């Protein structure tokens, strides 16, 4: 993400995942601590995968490991805000995927924070990269705003 890129809106995302802040998400400055943003990104991506039958943490033969992350902060969030994570796929490789996310506070249309996660899919036992299976690939393509 470029520092000069405009702040995304809800219309810039293909799917949404609701999240709730918690009392302990706030730091001594009275807003959500920056580390919580990454936990929300992780929860949104893995929650979406599980809801779509694409991840069973205890049994999936392959799964994505985070190899890169980033976040830009635009506005404060904190408990008791309701957060909606917007999800989209920006890049889909043979074994990797780049998710881009926006965190939207309550009913706001502009993202309070924007981030990305890169997952590399690996075999559960060898931890070596593994091609993304056709079922997952089709689901990921549904999150792309422009076709692969």
Protein backbone atom coordinates (compact mmCIF):
# COMPACT_ATOMS: atom_id res chain seq x y z
CA UNK A 1 0.00 0.00 0.00
CA UNK A 2 1.34 3.39 -0.93
CA UNK A 3 1.39 6.15 1.69
CA UNK A 4 -0.29 8.41 -0.87
CA UNK A 5 -3.14 6.01 -1.63
CA UNK A 6 -6.58 7.32 -0.70
CA UNK A 7 -8.26 5.84 2.35
CA UNK A 8 -10.44 2.94 1.31
CA UNK A 9 -14.20 2.77 1.78
CA UNK A 10 -16.53 -0.17 2.23
CA UNK A 11 -17.12 -0.20 -1.54
CA UNK A 12 -13.47 -1.18 -2.02
CA UNK A 13 -13.94 -4.63 -0.44
CA UNK A 14 -15.54 -7.85 -1.64
CA UNK A 15 -16.62 -9.38 1.69
CA UNK A 16 -17.12 -8.33 5.31
CA UNK A 17 -16.54 -9.94 8.68
CA UNK A 18 -17.98 -8.45 11.91
CA UNK A 19 -15.75 -8.09 14.96
CA UNK A 20 -16.26 -6.75 18.48
CA UNK A 21 -13.69 -4.81 20.46
CA UNK A 22 -13.00 -5.85 24.03
CA UNK A 23 -12.37 -3.87 27.22
CA UNK A 24 -8.69 -4.84 27.28
CA UNK A 25 -8.15 -3.68 23.67
CA UNK A 26 -7.79 -0.09 24.92
CA UNK A 27 -4.37 1.08 26.03
CA UNK A 28 -3.34 3.73 28.51
CA UNK A 29 -3.93 6.43 25.86
CA UNK A 30 -7.62 5.54 25.68
CA UNK A 31 -7.70 3.95 22.24
CA UNK A 32 -7.15 0.52 20.74
CA UNK A 33 -3.52 -0.54 20.95
CA UNK A 34 -1.85 -1.04 17.57
CA UNK A 35 -1.15 -4.74 18.16
CA UNK A 36 -4.91 -5.35 18.36
CA UNK A 37 -5.32 -4.30 14.72
CA UNK A 38 -3.17 -7.25 13.64
CA UNK A 39 -5.19 -9.64 15.82
CA UNK A 40 -8.39 -8.34 14.19
CA UNK A 41 -6.91 -8.87 10.70
CA UNK A 42 -5.94 -12.43 11.63
CA UNK A 43 -9.37 -13.12 13.14
CA UNK A 44 -11.19 -11.78 10.08
CA UNK A 45 -9.15 -13.79 7.56
CA UNK A 46 -9.24 -17.06 9.50
CA UNK A 47 -12.87 -16.57 10.53
CA UNK A 48 -13.85 -16.06 6.88
CA UNK A 49 -11.87 -19.17 5.87
CA UNK A 50 -13.54 -21.27 8.57
CA UNK A 51 -17.05 -19.97 7.76
CA UNK A 52 -16.52 -20.99 4.13
CA UNK A 53 -15.27 -24.48 5.02
CA UNK A 54 -11.74 -23.69 3.82
CA UNK A 55 -9.91 -24.14 7.12
CA UNK A 56 -10.12 -26.60 9.95
CA UNK A 57 -7.22 -25.64 12.23
CA UNK A 58 -6.97 -29.15 13.69
CA UNK A 59 -7.36 -31.17 10.48
CA UNK A 60 -6.59 -29.22 7.30
CA UNK A 61 -3.77 -30.87 5.35
CA UNK A 62 -2.59 -27.44 4.20
CA UNK A 63 -3.01 -23.99 5.70
CA UNK A 64 -1.65 -20.48 5.33
CA UNK A 65 1.24 -19.18 7.39
CA UNK A 66 1.67 -15.42 7.67
CA UNK A 67 4.94 -14.33 6.04
CA UNK A 68 4.34 -10.58 5.77
CA UNK A 69 1.99 -7.99 7.28
CA UNK A 70 1.48 -4.25 7.28
CA UNK A 71 -0.93 -1.64 8.59
CA UNK A 72 -1.74 2.05 8.07
CA UNK A 73 -3.67 3.82 10.82
CA UNK A 74 -6.12 6.60 9.96
CA UNK A 75 -8.47 7.07 12.93
CA UNK A 76 -8.78 5.87 16.49
CA UNK A 77 -10.90 2.91 17.47
CA UNK A 78 -11.53 1.40 20.88
CA UNK A 79 -13.91 -0.43 23.15
CA UNK A 80 -16.93 -0.51 22.86
CA UNK A 81 -16.73 0.08 19.08
CA UNK A 82 -18.10 -2.52 16.71
CA UNK A 83 -15.63 -3.20 13.92
CA UNK A 84 -16.36 -4.54 10.46
CA UNK A 85 -13.39 -5.93 8.55
CA UNK A 86 -13.55 -5.56 4.79
CA UNK A 87 -11.65 -8.28 2.90
CA UNK A 88 -10.32 -8.55 -0.60
CA UNK A 89 -7.62 -10.51 -2.39
CA UNK A 90 -5.05 -8.39 -4.19
CA UNK A 91 -2.79 -11.18 -5.45
CA UNK A 92 -3.21 -14.92 -5.83
CA UNK A 93 -0.11 -16.96 -6.60
CA UNK A 94 0.43 -20.70 -6.84
CA UNK A 95 0.98 -21.11 -3.07
CA UNK A 96 0.60 -17.56 -1.73
CA UNK A 97 -2.17 -15.04 -1.33
CA UNK A 98 -2.20 -11.38 -0.37
CA UNK A 99 -5.29 -10.32 1.57
CA UNK A 100 -6.03 -6.63 1.99
CA UNK A 101 -8.27 -5.53 4.82
CA UNK A 102 -9.99 -2.39 6.02
CA UNK A 103 -11.22 -1.97 9.59
CA UNK A 104 -14.38 0.12 9.78
CA UNK A 105 -15.51 1.62 13.09
CA UNK A 106 -19.24 1.29 13.82
CA UNK A 107 -21.15 2.52 10.74
CA UNK A 108 -18.35 4.64 9.23
CA UNK A 109 -17.71 4.30 5.50
CA UNK A 110 -13.98 5.14 5.54
CA UNK A 111 -11.48 2.70 6.99
CA UNK A 112 -9.97 3.58 10.36
CA UNK A 113 -7.09 1.25 9.53
CA UNK A 114 -5.96 -0.66 6.45
CA UNK A 115 -3.71 -3.65 6.40
CA UNK A 116 -2.51 -6.65 4.50
CA UNK A 117 -1.53 -10.24 5.23
CA UNK A 118 0.44 -12.53 2.96
CA UNK A 119 -0.20 -16.21 3.56
CA UNK A 120 1.96 -18.94 2.07
CA UNK A 121 0.11 -22.24 2.01
CA UNK A 122 2.14 -25.07 3.48
CA UNK A 123 1.78 -28.78 4.09
CA UNK A 124 0.79 -29.47 7.71
CA UNK A 125 3.63 -31.93 8.33
CA UNK A 126 6.56 -30.78 6.19
CA UNK A 127 5.79 -27.03 6.51
CA UNK A 128 6.95 -26.70 2.89
CA UNK A 129 4.96 -24.56 0.40
CA UNK A 130 2.03 -26.34 -1.16
CA UNK A 131 -0.12 -25.28 -4.13
CA UNK A 132 -3.46 -23.70 -3.24
CA UNK A 133 -6.16 -26.30 -3.89
CA UNK A 134 -8.87 -25.61 -6.56
CA UNK A 135 -11.69 -25.18 -3.97
CA UNK A 136 -9.73 -22.56 -2.04
CA UNK A 137 -8.53 -20.89 -5.25
CA UNK A 138 -12.14 -20.46 -6.45
CA UNK A 139 -13.17 -18.97 -3.09
CA UNK A 140 -10.18 -16.61 -3.12
CA UNK A 141 -11.02 -15.50 -6.65
CA UNK A 142 -14.46 -14.47 -5.36
CA UNK A 143 -12.66 -11.96 -3.11
CA UNK A 144 -10.80 -10.37 -6.02
CA UNK A 145 -12.26 -7.11 -7.26
CA UNK A 146 -10.60 -7.64 -10.63
CA UNK A 147 -10.47 -11.18 -12.05
CA UNK A 148 -7.18 -13.10 -11.80
